[in-house]
Amino acid sequence: MGADSIELHPKWEQWNEAAKGTFWDELGCTIDTVNERQVIVSLEIQPRHLNLIGIMHGGVYATMIDSAMGLLAMIVKPDANVVTTNLNINYVAKAEKGIITVIAELIHVSRKSITAQATARMDQGELCAFGTGTFRVI
């Protein structure tokens, strides 16, 4: 599913409105694909995303990975609130410019928790970071 599927989600407009003015909005990510099994987000790296040595800040990776997995958890449990209870990130390669894409996928869903995994890759497919997250349904 592409961008059209985003608009079809019952809470999409509410979530989109709630994101305005938040850290996610400030970061400048684009949501490319949303469905019940996968969320894909991307970001064109800008100078504001870099750390002092000129590579993408680890916090940007962490935010993208956590947010993509969190959005997936929200889609799976649309009538509940979900919060991150565990986030593991592994940084494996640097990124300096270009477009980075994060793909989040479900691993496990239960009544009270959701576990997902995500990868962050550069335009040519090079793996830069990956992570897992657990989200509590509240």
Protein backbone atom coordinates (compact mmCIF):
# COMPACT_ATOMS: atom_id res chain seq x y z
CA MET A 1 0.00 0.00 0.00
CA GLY A 2 1.24 3.47 -0.77
CA ALA A 3 0.27 6.95 0.24
CA ASP A 4 -3.40 6.30 -0.58
CA SER A 5 -3.56 3.68 2.18
CA ILE A 6 -2.43 6.30 4.71
CA GLU A 7 -5.52 8.40 4.07
CA LEU A 8 -7.78 5.37 4.46
CA HIS A 9 -6.71 4.64 8.04
CA PRO A 10 -9.54 5.83 10.34
CA LYS A 11 -7.23 7.78 12.67
CA TRP A 12 -4.80 9.11 10.06
CA GLU A 13 -6.10 12.69 10.06
CA GLN A 14 -6.13 12.78 13.87
CA TRP A 15 -2.54 11.49 14.07
CA ASN A 16 -1.39 13.84 11.31
CA GLU A 17 -2.88 16.82 13.12
CA ALA A 18 -1.37 15.74 16.46
CA ALA A 19 2.10 15.53 14.85
CA LYS A 20 2.12 19.20 13.81
CA GLY A 21 4.70 21.16 15.77
CA THR A 22 6.17 18.05 17.43
CA PHE A 23 9.71 16.70 17.28
CA TRP A 24 8.62 14.33 14.49
CA ASP A 25 7.39 17.31 12.47
CA GLU A 26 10.61 19.23 13.15
CA LEU A 27 12.72 16.29 12.01
CA GLY A 28 11.16 16.44 8.54
CA CYS A 29 10.46 12.78 7.84
CA THR A 30 8.05 11.59 5.18
CA ILE A 31 5.72 8.66 5.71
CA ASP A 32 5.88 6.62 2.50
CA THR A 33 3.95 3.43 3.24
CA VAL A 34 1.55 2.40 5.99
CA ASN A 35 -0.30 -0.87 6.39
CA GLU A 36 -1.01 -3.38 9.14
CA ARG A 37 2.32 -5.20 8.66
CA GLN A 38 4.77 -2.47 7.66
CA VAL A 39 5.56 1.24 7.93
CA ILE A 40 8.15 2.93 5.71
CA VAL A 41 9.46 6.43 6.47
CA SER A 42 12.21 8.41 4.77
CA LEU A 43 14.31 11.49 5.36
CA GLU A 44 16.52 13.59 3.14
CA ILE A 45 19.57 14.25 5.32
CA GLN A 46 20.09 17.96 6.00
CA PRO A 47 22.90 19.72 7.89
CA ARG A 48 20.63 19.92 10.99
CA HIS A 49 20.59 16.09 11.13
CA LEU A 50 24.39 15.82 11.44
CA ASN A 51 26.55 15.58 14.54
CA LEU A 52 29.81 17.47 15.15
CA ILE A 53 31.87 15.11 12.97
CA GLY A 54 29.56 15.55 9.98
CA ILE A 55 27.62 12.29 10.02
CA MET A 56 23.97 11.70 10.83
CA HIS A 57 23.35 11.96 14.57
CA GLY A 58 22.47 8.67 16.27
CA GLY A 59 19.42 10.33 17.79
CA VAL A 60 17.99 10.88 14.31
CA TYR A 61 18.31 7.15 13.55
CA ALA A 62 16.79 6.31 16.93
CA THR A 63 13.89 8.70 16.42
CA MET A 64 13.13 7.42 12.93
CA ILE A 65 13.30 3.77 14.00
CA ASP A 66 11.29 4.28 17.20
CA SER A 67 8.68 6.43 15.45
CA ALA A 68 8.20 4.05 12.51
CA MET A 69 7.77 1.09 14.86
CA GLY A 70 5.52 3.17 17.14
CA LEU A 71 3.28 4.16 14.24
CA LEU A 72 3.01 0.49 13.32
CA ALA A 73 2.03 -0.33 16.91
CA MET A 74 -0.62 2.42 16.80
CA ILE A 75 -2.05 0.96 13.60
CA VAL A 76 -2.21 -2.53 15.09
CA LYS A 77 -3.98 -1.24 18.23
CA PRO A 78 -5.90 1.82 16.93
CA ASP A 79 -8.28 2.04 19.90
CA ALA A 80 -5.51 2.11 22.51
CA ASN A 81 -2.50 4.23 23.34
CA VAL A 82 0.91 2.61 22.99
CA VAL A 83 4.23 3.65 24.52
CA THR A 84 7.78 2.46 23.94
CA THR A 85 9.02 0.31 26.81
CA ASN A 86 12.20 -0.98 25.20
CA LEU A 87 14.29 0.30 22.31
CA ASN A 88 17.49 -1.34 21.07
CA ILE A 89 19.50 0.35 18.32
CA ASN A 90 22.61 -0.89 16.54
CA TYR A 91 24.61 1.58 14.45
CA VAL A 92 26.59 -0.13 11.69
CA ALA A 93 27.51 2.48 9.05
CA LYS A 94 27.64 6.25 8.75
CA ALA A 95 25.39 8.44 6.63
CA GLU A 96 26.38 11.92 5.54
CA LYS A 97 24.03 12.90 2.74
CA GLY A 98 21.22 11.48 0.63
CA ILE A 99 17.99 9.81 1.60
CA ILE A 100 17.67 7.37 4.46
CA THR A 101 14.72 4.97 4.57
CA VAL A 102 13.44 3.11 7.62
CA ILE A 103 11.29 0.01 7.23
CA ALA A 104 9.46 -1.17 10.36
CA GLU A 105 7.81 -4.59 10.53
CA LEU A 106 5.88 -6.50 13.16
CA ILE A 107 7.47 -9.35 15.04
CA HIS A 108 4.84 -10.15 17.70
CA VAL A 109 1.48 -8.86 18.90
CA SER A 110 -0.27 -9.80 22.12
CA ARG A 111 -3.07 -8.25 24.12
CA LYS A 112 -0.73 -5.96 26.09
CA SER A 113 2.44 -5.63 24.00
CA ILE A 114 3.71 -5.25 20.46
CA THR A 115 7.24 -6.02 19.29
CA ALA A 116 8.65 -4.69 16.03
CA GLN A 117 11.94 -4.45 14.18
CA ALA A 118 13.25 -1.80 11.81
CA THR A 119 16.15 -1.17 9.47
CA ALA A 120 17.60 2.15 8.30
CA ARG A 121 19.18 2.06 4.85
CA MET A 122 20.73 4.58 2.47
CA ASP A 123 19.54 5.12 -1.12
CA GLN A 124 21.67 2.27 -2.51
CA GLY A 125 20.53 -0.16 0.18
CA GLU A 126 23.49 0.10 2.56
CA LEU A 127 22.42 -0.81 6.10
CA CYS A 128 23.20 2.05 8.52
CA ALA A 129 21.28 1.04 11.64
CA PHE A 130 18.73 -1.47 12.86
CA GLY A 131 16.69 -1.90 15.96
CA THR A 132 13.89 -3.58 17.84
CA GLY A 133 11.25 -2.10 20.04
CA THR A 134 8.60 -3.23 22.44
CA PHE A 135 5.47 -1.15 22.95
CA ARG A 136 3.05 -1.46 25.85
CA VAL A 137 -0.64 -1.16 25.14
CA ILE A 138 -2.18 1.17 27.76
